Amino acid sequence: GLRLIVDNGIFYEFVVPETLGTRAPRRA
């Protein structure tokens, strides 16, 4: 795996793909 750079001006979210484009995508 590749180590996420978590302290460099980017905030990451992880969304369940099937919920993209819906009114309430499942975001983590």
mmCIF file of all heavy atoms, coordinates in Angstrom:
data_MODEL
# 
_entry.id   MODEL 
# 
loop_
_atom_site.group_PDB 
_atom_site.id 
_atom_site.type_symbol 
_atom_site.label_atom_id 
_atom_site.label_alt_id 
_atom_site.label_comp_id 
_atom_site.label_asym_id 
_atom_site.label_entity_id 
_atom_site.label_seq_id 
_atom_site.pdbx_PDB_ins_code 
_atom_site.Cartn_x 
_atom_site.Cartn_y 
_atom_site.Cartn_z 
_atom_site.occupancy 
_atom_site.B_iso_or_equiv 
_atom_site.pdbx_formal_charge 
_atom_site.auth_seq_id 
_atom_site.auth_comp_id 
_atom_site.auth_asym_id 
_atom_site.auth_atom_id 
_atom_site.pdbx_PDB_model_num 
ATOM 1   N N   . GLY A 1 1  ? 0.815   -1.207 0.000  1.00 0.00 ? 1  GLY A N   1 
ATOM 2   C CA  . GLY A 1 1  ? 0.000   0.000  0.000  1.00 0.00 ? 1  GLY A CA  1 
ATOM 3   C C   . GLY A 1 1  ? 0.849   1.257  0.000  1.00 0.00 ? 1  GLY A C   1 
ATOM 4   O O   . GLY A 1 1  ? 2.048   1.235  0.262  1.00 0.00 ? 1  GLY A O   1 
ATOM 5   N N   . LEU A 1 2  ? 0.196   2.369  -0.304 1.00 0.00 ? 2  LEU A N   1 
ATOM 6   C CA  . LEU A 1 2  ? 0.853   3.677  -0.350 1.00 0.00 ? 2  LEU A CA  1 
ATOM 7   C C   . LEU A 1 2  ? 0.385   4.501  0.843  1.00 0.00 ? 2  LEU A C   1 
ATOM 8   O O   . LEU A 1 2  ? -0.815  4.572  1.132  1.00 0.00 ? 2  LEU A O   1 
ATOM 9   C CB  . LEU A 1 2  ? 0.511   4.413  -1.649 1.00 0.00 ? 2  LEU A CB  1 
ATOM 10  C CG  . LEU A 1 2  ? 0.706   3.640  -2.961 1.00 0.00 ? 2  LEU A CG  1 
ATOM 11  C CD1 . LEU A 1 2  ? 0.437   4.557  -4.156 1.00 0.00 ? 2  LEU A CD1 1 
ATOM 12  C CD2 . LEU A 1 2  ? 2.101   3.053  -3.056 1.00 0.00 ? 2  LEU A CD2 1 
ATOM 13  N N   . ARG A 1 3  ? 1.331   5.138  1.508  1.00 0.00 ? 3  ARG A N   1 
ATOM 14  C CA  . ARG A 1 3  ? 1.013   5.901  2.714  1.00 0.00 ? 3  ARG A CA  1 
ATOM 15  C C   . ARG A 1 3  ? 0.400   7.246  2.351  1.00 0.00 ? 3  ARG A C   1 
ATOM 16  O O   . ARG A 1 3  ? 1.009   8.068  1.641  1.00 0.00 ? 3  ARG A O   1 
ATOM 17  C CB  . ARG A 1 3  ? 2.264   6.110  3.556  1.00 0.00 ? 3  ARG A CB  1 
ATOM 18  C CG  . ARG A 1 3  ? 1.996   6.846  4.855  1.00 0.00 ? 3  ARG A CG  1 
ATOM 19  C CD  . ARG A 1 3  ? 3.178   6.794  5.788  1.00 0.00 ? 3  ARG A CD  1 
ATOM 20  N NE  . ARG A 1 3  ? 2.918   7.541  7.010  1.00 0.00 ? 3  ARG A NE  1 
ATOM 21  C CZ  . ARG A 1 3  ? 3.584   7.389  8.144  1.00 0.00 ? 3  ARG A CZ  1 
ATOM 22  N NH1 . ARG A 1 3  ? 4.570   6.495  8.216  1.00 0.00 ? 3  ARG A NH1 1 
ATOM 23  N NH2 . ARG A 1 3  ? 3.290   8.090  9.228  1.00 0.00 ? 3  ARG A NH2 1 
ATOM 24  N N   . LEU A 1 4  ? -0.820  7.486  2.834  1.00 0.00 ? 4  LEU A N   1 
ATOM 25  C CA  . LEU A 1 4  ? -1.472  8.779  2.612  1.00 0.00 ? 4  LEU A CA  1 
ATOM 26  C C   . LEU A 1 4  ? -0.683  9.891  3.291  1.00 0.00 ? 4  LEU A C   1 
ATOM 27  O O   . LEU A 1 4  ? -0.221  9.731  4.429  1.00 0.00 ? 4  LEU A O   1 
ATOM 28  C CB  . LEU A 1 4  ? -2.888  8.777  3.182  1.00 0.00 ? 4  LEU A CB  1 
ATOM 29  C CG  . LEU A 1 4  ? -4.004  8.126  2.366  1.00 0.00 ? 4  LEU A CG  1 
ATOM 30  C CD1 . LEU A 1 4  ? -5.303  8.187  3.152  1.00 0.00 ? 4  LEU A CD1 1 
ATOM 31  C CD2 . LEU A 1 4  ? -4.192  8.798  1.014  1.00 0.00 ? 4  LEU A CD2 1 
ATOM 32  N N   . ILE A 1 5  ? -0.555  11.009 2.601  1.00 0.00 ? 5  ILE A N   1 
ATOM 33  C CA  . ILE A 1 5  ? 0.085   12.189 3.192  1.00 0.00 ? 5  ILE A CA  1 
ATOM 34  C C   . ILE A 1 5  ? -1.030  12.993 3.857  1.00 0.00 ? 5  ILE A C   1 
ATOM 35  O O   . ILE A 1 5  ? -1.835  13.639 3.187  1.00 0.00 ? 5  ILE A O   1 
ATOM 36  C CB  . ILE A 1 5  ? 0.808   13.023 2.115  1.00 0.00 ? 5  ILE A CB  1 
ATOM 37  C CG1 . ILE A 1 5  ? 1.721   12.131 1.283  1.00 0.00 ? 5  ILE A CG1 1 
ATOM 38  C CG2 . ILE A 1 5  ? 1.607   14.145 2.773  1.00 0.00 ? 5  ILE A CG2 1 
ATOM 39  C CD1 . ILE A 1 5  ? 2.342   12.835 0.085  1.00 0.00 ? 5  ILE A CD1 1 
ATOM 40  N N   . VAL A 1 6  ? -1.083  12.939 5.179  1.00 0.00 ? 6  VAL A N   1 
ATOM 41  C CA  . VAL A 1 6  ? -2.248  13.460 5.902  1.00 0.00 ? 6  VAL A CA  1 
ATOM 42  C C   . VAL A 1 6  ? -2.031  14.858 6.468  1.00 0.00 ? 6  VAL A C   1 
ATOM 43  O O   . VAL A 1 6  ? -2.964  15.437 7.041  1.00 0.00 ? 6  VAL A O   1 
ATOM 44  C CB  . VAL A 1 6  ? -2.647  12.497 7.046  1.00 0.00 ? 6  VAL A CB  1 
ATOM 45  C CG1 . VAL A 1 6  ? -3.118  11.158 6.480  1.00 0.00 ? 6  VAL A CG1 1 
ATOM 46  C CG2 . VAL A 1 6  ? -1.499  12.298 8.034  1.00 0.00 ? 6  VAL A CG2 1 
ATOM 47  N N   . ASP A 1 7  ? -0.826  15.412 6.301  1.00 0.00 ? 7  ASP A N   1 
ATOM 48  C CA  . ASP A 1 7  ? -0.525  16.713 6.915  1.00 0.00 ? 7  ASP A CA  1 
ATOM 49  C C   . ASP A 1 7  ? -0.025  17.714 5.877  1.00 0.00 ? 7  ASP A C   1 
ATOM 50  O O   . ASP A 1 7  ? 0.840   18.522 6.153  1.00 0.00 ? 7  ASP A O   1 
ATOM 51  C CB  . ASP A 1 7  ? 0.534   16.538 8.017  1.00 0.00 ? 7  ASP A CB  1 
ATOM 52  C CG  . ASP A 1 7  ? 1.833   15.919 7.502  1.00 0.00 ? 7  ASP A CG  1 
ATOM 53  O OD1 . ASP A 1 7  ? 1.882   15.494 6.328  1.00 0.00 ? 7  ASP A OD1 1 
ATOM 54  O OD2 . ASP A 1 7  ? 2.816   15.856 8.275  1.00 0.00 ? 7  ASP A OD2 1 
ATOM 55  N N   . ASN A 1 8  ? -0.601  17.672 4.671  1.00 0.00 ? 8  ASN A N   1 
ATOM 56  C CA  . ASN A 1 8  ? -0.031  18.455 3.584  1.00 0.00 ? 8  ASN A CA  1 
ATOM 57  C C   . ASN A 1 8  ? -1.102  19.163 2.756  1.00 0.00 ? 8  ASN A C   1 
ATOM 58  O O   . ASN A 1 8  ? -1.027  19.214 1.532  1.00 0.00 ? 8  ASN A O   1 
ATOM 59  C CB  . ASN A 1 8  ? 0.809   17.535 2.679  1.00 0.00 ? 8  ASN A CB  1 
ATOM 60  C CG  . ASN A 1 8  ? 1.794   18.308 1.832  1.00 0.00 ? 8  ASN A CG  1 
ATOM 61  O OD1 . ASN A 1 8  ? 2.283   19.373 2.210  1.00 0.00 ? 8  ASN A OD1 1 
ATOM 62  N ND2 . ASN A 1 8  ? 2.089   17.775 0.653  1.00 0.00 ? 8  ASN A ND2 1 
ATOM 63  N N   . GLY A 1 9  ? -2.129  19.701 3.432  1.00 0.00 ? 9  GLY A N   1 
ATOM 64  C CA  . GLY A 1 9  ? -3.099  20.544 2.734  1.00 0.00 ? 9  GLY A CA  1 
ATOM 65  C C   . GLY A 1 9  ? -4.202  19.804 2.013  1.00 0.00 ? 9  GLY A C   1 
ATOM 66  O O   . GLY A 1 9  ? -4.885  20.400 1.176  1.00 0.00 ? 9  GLY A O   1 
ATOM 67  N N   . ILE A 1 10 ? -4.404  18.519 2.316  1.00 0.00 ? 10 ILE A N   1 
ATOM 68  C CA  . ILE A 1 10 ? -5.480  17.751 1.685  1.00 0.00 ? 10 ILE A CA  1 
ATOM 69  C C   . ILE A 1 10 ? -6.233  16.977 2.765  1.00 0.00 ? 10 ILE A C   1 
ATOM 70  O O   . ILE A 1 10 ? -5.628  16.283 3.579  1.00 0.00 ? 10 ILE A O   1 
ATOM 71  C CB  . ILE A 1 10 ? -4.937  16.762 0.629  1.00 0.00 ? 10 ILE A CB  1 
ATOM 72  C CG1 . ILE A 1 10 ? -4.190  17.516 -0.481 1.00 0.00 ? 10 ILE A CG1 1 
ATOM 73  C CG2 . ILE A 1 10 ? -6.072  15.939 0.027  1.00 0.00 ? 10 ILE A CG2 1 
ATOM 74  C CD1 . ILE A 1 10 ? -3.514  16.617 -1.491 1.00 0.00 ? 10 ILE A CD1 1 
ATOM 75  N N   . PHE A 1 11 ? -7.569  17.108 2.743  1.00 0.00 ? 11 PHE A N   1 
ATOM 76  C CA  . PHE A 1 11 ? -8.433  16.348 3.642  1.00 0.00 ? 11 PHE A CA  1 
ATOM 77  C C   . PHE A 1 11 ? -9.136  15.286 2.812  1.00 0.00 ? 11 PHE A C   1 
ATOM 78  O O   . PHE A 1 11 ? -9.733  15.577 1.770  1.00 0.00 ? 11 PHE A O   1 
ATOM 79  C CB  . PHE A 1 11 ? -9.463  17.263 4.302  1.00 0.00 ? 11 PHE A CB  1 
ATOM 80  C CG  . PHE A 1 11 ? -10.436 16.540 5.198  1.00 0.00 ? 11 PHE A CG  1 
ATOM 81  C CD1 . PHE A 1 11 ? -10.037 16.079 6.436  1.00 0.00 ? 11 PHE A CD1 1 
ATOM 82  C CD2 . PHE A 1 11 ? -11.748 16.326 4.793  1.00 0.00 ? 11 PHE A CD2 1 
ATOM 83  C CE1 . PHE A 1 11 ? -10.931 15.406 7.270  1.00 0.00 ? 11 PHE A CE1 1 
ATOM 84  C CE2 . PHE A 1 11 ? -12.653 15.671 5.617  1.00 0.00 ? 11 PHE A CE2 1 
ATOM 85  C CZ  . PHE A 1 11 ? -12.238 15.205 6.859  1.00 0.00 ? 11 PHE A CZ  1 
ATOM 86  N N   . TYR A 1 12 ? -9.061  14.036 3.269  1.00 0.00 ? 12 TYR A N   1 
ATOM 87  C CA  . TYR A 1 12 ? -9.573  12.906 2.500  1.00 0.00 ? 12 TYR A CA  1 
ATOM 88  C C   . TYR A 1 12 ? -10.902 12.418 3.058  1.00 0.00 ? 12 TYR A C   1 
ATOM 89  O O   . TYR A 1 12 ? -11.073 12.291 4.271  1.00 0.00 ? 12 TYR A O   1 
ATOM 90  C CB  . TYR A 1 12 ? -8.579  11.732 2.547  1.00 0.00 ? 12 TYR A CB  1 
ATOM 91  C CG  . TYR A 1 12 ? -7.196  12.085 2.075  1.00 0.00 ? 12 TYR A CG  1 
ATOM 92  C CD1 . TYR A 1 12 ? -6.200  12.423 2.995  1.00 0.00 ? 12 TYR A CD1 1 
ATOM 93  C CD2 . TYR A 1 12 ? -6.875  12.097 0.718  1.00 0.00 ? 12 TYR A CD2 1 
ATOM 94  C CE1 . TYR A 1 12 ? -4.922  12.757 2.579  1.00 0.00 ? 12 TYR A CE1 1 
ATOM 95  C CE2 . TYR A 1 12 ? -5.595  12.427 0.286  1.00 0.00 ? 12 TYR A CE2 1 
ATOM 96  C CZ  . TYR A 1 12 ? -4.621  12.761 1.222  1.00 0.00 ? 12 TYR A CZ  1 
ATOM 97  O OH  . TYR A 1 12 ? -3.360  13.093 0.811  1.00 0.00 ? 12 TYR A OH  1 
ATOM 98  N N   . GLU A 1 13 ? -11.813 12.126 2.144  1.00 0.00 ? 13 GLU A N   1 
ATOM 99  C CA  . GLU A 1 13 ? -13.046 11.425 2.508  1.00 0.00 ? 13 GLU A CA  1 
ATOM 100 C C   . GLU A 1 13 ? -13.156 10.168 1.653  1.00 0.00 ? 13 GLU A C   1 
ATOM 101 O O   . GLU A 1 13 ? -12.580 10.078 0.560  1.00 0.00 ? 13 GLU A O   1 
ATOM 102 C CB  . GLU A 1 13 ? -14.263 12.313 2.287  1.00 0.00 ? 13 GLU A CB  1 
ATOM 103 C CG  . GLU A 1 13 ? -14.349 13.491 3.234  1.00 0.00 ? 13 GLU A CG  1 
ATOM 104 C CD  . GLU A 1 13 ? -15.606 14.294 2.993  1.00 0.00 ? 13 GLU A CD  1 
ATOM 105 O OE1 . GLU A 1 13 ? -16.700 13.820 3.385  1.00 0.00 ? 13 GLU A OE1 1 
ATOM 106 O OE2 . GLU A 1 13 ? -15.508 15.393 2.411  1.00 0.00 ? 13 GLU A OE2 1 
ATOM 107 N N   . PHE A 1 14 ? -13.932 9.218  2.173  1.00 0.00 ? 14 PHE A N   1 
ATOM 108 C CA  . PHE A 1 14 ? -14.098 7.921  1.531  1.00 0.00 ? 14 PHE A CA  1 
ATOM 109 C C   . PHE A 1 14 ? -15.589 7.660  1.402  1.00 0.00 ? 14 PHE A C   1 
ATOM 110 O O   . PHE A 1 14 ? -16.296 7.568  2.412  1.00 0.00 ? 14 PHE A O   1 
ATOM 111 C CB  . PHE A 1 14 ? -13.405 6.832  2.360  1.00 0.00 ? 14 PHE A CB  1 
ATOM 112 C CG  . PHE A 1 14 ? -11.951 7.146  2.639  1.00 0.00 ? 14 PHE A CG  1 
ATOM 113 C CD1 . PHE A 1 14 ? -11.595 7.856  3.790  1.00 0.00 ? 14 PHE A CD1 1 
ATOM 114 C CD2 . PHE A 1 14 ? -10.966 6.779  1.747  1.00 0.00 ? 14 PHE A CD2 1 
ATOM 115 C CE1 . PHE A 1 14 ? -10.268 8.165  4.052  1.00 0.00 ? 14 PHE A CE1 1 
ATOM 116 C CE2 . PHE A 1 14 ? -9.643  7.090  1.996  1.00 0.00 ? 14 PHE A CE2 1 
ATOM 117 C CZ  . PHE A 1 14 ? -9.280  7.778  3.149  1.00 0.00 ? 14 PHE A CZ  1 
ATOM 118 N N   . VAL A 1 15 ? -16.063 7.568  0.162  1.00 0.00 ? 15 VAL A N   1 
ATOM 119 C CA  . VAL A 1 15 ? -17.495 7.504  -0.105 1.00 0.00 ? 15 VAL A CA  1 
ATOM 120 C C   . VAL A 1 15 ? -17.839 6.155  -0.728 1.00 0.00 ? 15 VAL A C   1 
ATOM 121 O O   . VAL A 1 15 ? -17.150 5.679  -1.636 1.00 0.00 ? 15 VAL A O   1 
ATOM 122 C CB  . VAL A 1 15 ? -17.932 8.649  -1.040 1.00 0.00 ? 15 VAL A CB  1 
ATOM 123 C CG1 . VAL A 1 15 ? -19.420 8.555  -1.363 1.00 0.00 ? 15 VAL A CG1 1 
ATOM 124 C CG2 . VAL A 1 15 ? -17.613 9.997  -0.403 1.00 0.00 ? 15 VAL A CG2 1 
ATOM 125 N N   . VAL A 1 16 ? -18.892 5.546  -0.237 1.00 0.00 ? 16 VAL A N   1 
ATOM 126 C CA  . VAL A 1 16 ? -19.366 4.286  -0.815 1.00 0.00 ? 16 VAL A CA  1 
ATOM 127 C C   . VAL A 1 16 ? -19.745 4.550  -2.266 1.00 0.00 ? 16 VAL A C   1 
ATOM 128 O O   . VAL A 1 16 ? -20.606 5.396  -2.541 1.00 0.00 ? 16 VAL A O   1 
ATOM 129 C CB  . VAL A 1 16 ? -20.566 3.745  -0.024 1.00 0.00 ? 16 VAL A CB  1 
ATOM 130 C CG1 . VAL A 1 16 ? -21.140 2.483  -0.689 1.00 0.00 ? 16 VAL A CG1 1 
ATOM 131 C CG2 . VAL A 1 16 ? -20.159 3.457  1.415  1.00 0.00 ? 16 VAL A CG2 1 
ATOM 132 N N   . PRO A 1 17 ? -19.108 3.880  -3.232 1.00 0.00 ? 17 PRO A N   1 
ATOM 133 C CA  . PRO A 1 17 ? -19.268 4.243  -4.644 1.00 0.00 ? 17 PRO A CA  1 
ATOM 134 C C   . PRO A 1 17 ? -20.712 4.206  -5.131 1.00 0.00 ? 17 PRO A C   1 
ATOM 135 O O   . PRO A 1 17 ? -21.121 5.063  -5.923 1.00 0.00 ? 17 PRO A O   1 
ATOM 136 C CB  . PRO A 1 17 ? -18.414 3.198  -5.387 1.00 0.00 ? 17 PRO A CB  1 
ATOM 137 C CG  . PRO A 1 17 ? -17.464 2.682  -4.386 1.00 0.00 ? 17 PRO A CG  1 
ATOM 138 C CD  . PRO A 1 17 ? -18.137 2.787  -3.058 1.00 0.00 ? 17 PRO A CD  1 
ATOM 139 N N   . GLU A 1 18 ? -21.471 3.214  -4.651 1.00 0.00 ? 18 GLU A N   1 
ATOM 140 C CA  . GLU A 1 18 ? -22.848 3.072  -5.120 1.00 0.00 ? 18 GLU A CA  1 
ATOM 141 C C   . GLU A 1 18 ? -23.724 4.247  -4.720 1.00 0.00 ? 18 GLU A C   1 
ATOM 142 O O   . GLU A 1 18 ? -24.815 4.435  -5.278 1.00 0.00 ? 18 GLU A O   1 
ATOM 143 C CB  . GLU A 1 18 ? -23.463 1.768  -4.574 1.00 0.00 ? 18 GLU A CB  1 
ATOM 144 C CG  . GLU A 1 18 ? -22.826 0.500  -5.112 1.00 0.00 ? 18 GLU A CG  1 
ATOM 145 C CD  . GLU A 1 18 ? -21.499 0.168  -4.456 1.00 0.00 ? 18 GLU A CD  1 
ATOM 146 O OE1 . GLU A 1 18 ? -21.165 0.785  -3.408 1.00 0.00 ? 18 GLU A OE1 1 
ATOM 147 O OE2 . GLU A 1 18 ? -20.778 -0.699 -4.987 1.00 0.00 ? 18 GLU A OE2 1 
ATOM 148 N N   . THR A 1 19 ? -23.264 5.053  -3.740 1.00 0.00 ? 19 THR A N   1 
ATOM 149 C CA  . THR A 1 19 ? -24.083 6.175  -3.271 1.00 0.00 ? 19 THR A CA  1 
ATOM 150 C C   . THR A 1 19 ? -23.675 7.501  -3.914 1.00 0.00 ? 19 THR A C   1 
ATOM 151 O O   . THR A 1 19 ? -24.292 8.527  -3.630 1.00 0.00 ? 19 THR A O   1 
ATOM 152 C CB  . THR A 1 19 ? -24.000 6.303  -1.737 1.00 0.00 ? 19 THR A CB  1 
ATOM 153 O OG1 . THR A 1 19 ? -22.674 6.700  -1.356 1.00 0.00 ? 19 THR A OG1 1 
ATOM 154 C CG2 . THR A 1 19 ? -24.347 4.980  -1.068 1.00 0.00 ? 19 THR A CG2 1 
ATOM 155 N N   . LEU A 1 20 ? -22.641 7.488  -4.752 1.00 0.00 ? 20 LEU A N   1 
ATOM 156 C CA  . LEU A 1 20 ? -22.259 8.712  -5.451 1.00 0.00 ? 20 LEU A CA  1 
ATOM 157 C C   . LEU A 1 20 ? -23.416 9.178  -6.337 1.00 0.00 ? 20 LEU A C   1 
ATOM 158 O O   . LEU A 1 20 ? -24.077 8.381  -6.990 1.00 0.00 ? 20 LEU A O   1 
ATOM 159 C CB  . LEU A 1 20 ? -21.023 8.477  -6.328 1.00 0.00 ? 20 LEU A CB  1 
ATOM 160 C CG  . LEU A 1 20 ? -19.680 8.358  -5.620 1.00 0.00 ? 20 LEU A CG  1 
ATOM 161 C CD1 . LEU A 1 20 ? -18.605 7.942  -6.615 1.00 0.00 ? 20 LEU A CD1 1 
ATOM 162 C CD2 . LEU A 1 20 ? -19.281 9.671  -4.941 1.00 0.00 ? 20 LEU A CD2 1 
ATOM 163 N N   . GLY A 1 21 ? -23.620 10.490 -6.363 1.00 0.00 ? 21 GLY A N   1 
ATOM 164 C CA  . GLY A 1 21 ? -24.689 11.031 -7.194 1.00 0.00 ? 21 GLY A CA  1 
ATOM 165 C C   . GLY A 1 21 ? -26.058 10.983 -6.559 1.00 0.00 ? 21 GLY A C   1 
ATOM 166 O O   . GLY A 1 21 ? -27.037 11.467 -7.146 1.00 0.00 ? 21 GLY A O   1 
ATOM 167 N N   . THR A 1 22 ? -26.172 10.415 -5.353 1.00 0.00 ? 22 THR A N   1 
ATOM 168 C CA  . THR A 1 22 ? -27.452 10.396 -4.646 1.00 0.00 ? 22 THR A CA  1 
ATOM 169 C C   . THR A 1 22 ? -27.561 11.631 -3.757 1.00 0.00 ? 22 THR A C   1 
ATOM 170 O O   . THR A 1 22 ? -26.592 12.361 -3.553 1.00 0.00 ? 22 THR A O   1 
ATOM 171 C CB  . THR A 1 22 ? -27.594 9.131  -3.790 1.00 0.00 ? 22 THR A CB  1 
ATOM 172 O OG1 . THR A 1 22 ? -26.618 9.173  -2.728 1.00 0.00 ? 22 THR A OG1 1 
ATOM 173 C CG2 . THR A 1 22 ? -27.363 7.881  -4.634 1.00 0.00 ? 22 THR A CG2 1 
ATOM 174 N N   . ARG A 1 23 ? -28.731 11.833 -3.170 1.00 0.00 ? 23 ARG A N   1 
ATOM 175 C CA  . ARG A 1 23 ? -28.929 12.999 -2.308 1.00 0.00 ? 23 ARG A CA  1 
ATOM 176 C C   . ARG A 1 23 ? -28.129 12.886 -1.014 1.00 0.00 ? 23 ARG A C   1 
ATOM 177 O O   . ARG A 1 23 ? -27.765 13.910 -0.414 1.00 0.00 ? 23 ARG A O   1 
ATOM 178 C CB  . ARG A 1 23 ? -30.425 13.153 -1.969 1.00 0.00 ? 23 ARG A CB  1 
ATOM 179 C CG  . ARG A 1 23 ? -31.276 13.530 -3.167 1.00 0.00 ? 23 ARG A CG  1 
ATOM 180 C CD  . ARG A 1 23 ? -32.753 13.527 -2.789 1.00 0.00 ? 23 ARG A CD  1 
ATOM 181 N NE  . ARG A 1 23 ? -33.042 14.541 -1.782 1.00 0.00 ? 23 ARG A NE  1 
ATOM 182 C CZ  . ARG A 1 23 ? -33.425 15.780 -2.064 1.00 0.00 ? 23 ARG A CZ  1 
ATOM 183 N NH1 . ARG A 1 23 ? -33.568 16.166 -3.324 1.00 0.00 ? 23 ARG A NH1 1 
ATOM 184 N NH2 . ARG A 1 23 ? -33.694 16.633 -1.094 1.00 0.00 ? 23 ARG A NH2 1 
ATOM 185 N N   . ALA A 1 24 ? -27.843 11.663 -0.585 1.00 0.00 ? 24 ALA A N   1 
ATOM 186 C CA  . ALA A 1 24 ? -27.117 11.481 0.672  1.00 0.00 ? 24 ALA A CA  1 
ATOM 187 C C   . ALA A 1 24 ? -26.048 10.405 0.506  1.00 0.00 ? 24 ALA A C   1 
ATOM 188 O O   . ALA A 1 24 ? -26.221 9.271  0.981  1.00 0.00 ? 24 ALA A O   1 
ATOM 189 C CB  . ALA A 1 24 ? -28.091 11.114 1.789  1.00 0.00 ? 24 ALA A CB  1 
ATOM 190 N N   . PRO A 1 25 ? -24.951 10.727 -0.168 1.00 0.00 ? 25 PRO A N   1 
ATOM 191 C CA  . PRO A 1 25 ? -23.881 9.733  -0.304 1.00 0.00 ? 25 PRO A CA  1 
ATOM 192 C C   . PRO A 1 25 ? -23.324 9.350  1.061  1.00 0.00 ? 25 PRO A C   1 
ATOM 193 O O   . PRO A 1 25 ? -23.230 10.185 1.970  1.00 0.00 ? 25 PRO A O   1 
ATOM 194 C CB  . PRO A 1 25 ? -22.837 10.450 -1.155 1.00 0.00 ? 25 PRO A CB  1 
ATOM 195 C CG  . PRO A 1 25 ? -23.131 11.903 -1.010 1.00 0.00 ? 25 PRO A CG  1 
ATOM 196 C CD  . PRO A 1 25 ? -24.603 12.010 -0.797 1.00 0.00 ? 25 PRO A CD  1 
ATOM 197 N N   . ARG A 1 26 ? -22.952 8.086  1.197  1.00 0.00 ? 26 ARG A N   1 
ATOM 198 C CA  . ARG A 1 26 ? -22.409 7.601  2.474  1.00 0.00 ? 26 ARG A CA  1 
ATOM 199 C C   . ARG A 1 26 ? -20.935 7.968  2.542  1.00 0.00 ? 26 ARG A C   1 
ATOM 200 O O   . ARG A 1 26 ? -20.098 7.389  1.855  1.00 0.00 ? 26 ARG A O   1 
ATOM 201 C CB  . ARG A 1 26 ? -22.630 6.105  2.584  1.00 0.00 ? 26 ARG A CB  1 
ATOM 202 C CG  . ARG A 1 26 ? -24.096 5.725  2.814  1.00 0.00 ? 26 ARG A CG  1 
ATOM 203 C CD  . ARG A 1 26 ? -24.327 4.236  2.679  1.00 0.00 ? 26 ARG A CD  1 
ATOM 204 N NE  . ARG A 1 26 ? -23.443 3.471  3.546  1.00 0.00 ? 26 ARG A NE  1 
ATOM 205 C CZ  . ARG A 1 26 ? -23.270 2.158  3.423  1.00 0.00 ? 26 ARG A CZ  1 
ATOM 206 N NH1 . ARG A 1 26 ? -23.907 1.474  2.484  1.00 0.00 ? 26 ARG A NH1 1 
ATOM 207 N NH2 . ARG A 1 26 ? -22.444 1.511  4.240  1.00 0.00 ? 26 ARG A NH2 1 
ATOM 208 N N   . ARG A 1 27 ? -20.655 8.971  3.418  1.00 0.00 ? 27 ARG A N   1 
ATOM 209 C CA  . ARG A 1 27 ? -19.322 9.546  3.508  1.00 0.00 ? 27 ARG A CA  1 
ATOM 210 C C   . ARG A 1 27 ? -18.635 9.152  4.810  1.00 0.00 ? 27 ARG A C   1 
ATOM 211 O O   . ARG A 1 27 ? -19.248 9.187  5.876  1.00 0.00 ? 27 ARG A O   1 
ATOM 212 C CB  . ARG A 1 27 ? -19.398 11.082 3.417  1.00 0.00 ? 27 ARG A CB  1 
ATOM 213 C CG  . ARG A 1 27 ? -19.993 11.584 2.132  1.00 0.00 ? 27 ARG A CG  1 
ATOM 214 C CD  . ARG A 1 27 ? -20.430 13.028 2.197  1.00 0.00 ? 27 ARG A CD  1 
ATOM 215 N NE  . ARG A 1 27 ? -19.337 13.981 2.294  1.00 0.00 ? 27 ARG A NE  1 
ATOM 216 C CZ  . ARG A 1 27 ? -19.508 15.294 2.239  1.00 0.00 ? 27 ARG A CZ  1 
ATOM 217 N NH1 . ARG A 1 27 ? -20.732 15.808 2.101  1.00 0.00 ? 27 ARG A NH1 1 
ATOM 218 N NH2 . ARG A 1 27 ? -18.469 16.098 2.331  1.00 0.00 ? 27 ARG A NH2 1 
ATOM 219 N N   . ALA A 1 28 ? -17.384 8.802  4.694  1.00 0.00 ? 28 ALA A N   1 
ATOM 220 C CA  . ALA A 1 28 ? -16.556 8.548  5.868  1.00 0.00 ? 28 ALA A CA  1 
ATOM 221 C C   . ALA A 1 28 ? -15.286 9.365  5.719  1.00 0.00 ? 28 ALA A C   1 
ATOM 222 O O   . ALA A 1 28 ? -14.969 9.869  4.631  1.00 0.00 ? 28 ALA A O   1 
ATOM 223 C CB  . ALA A 1 28 ? -16.235 7.061  5.982  1.00 0.00 ? 28 ALA A CB  1 
# 
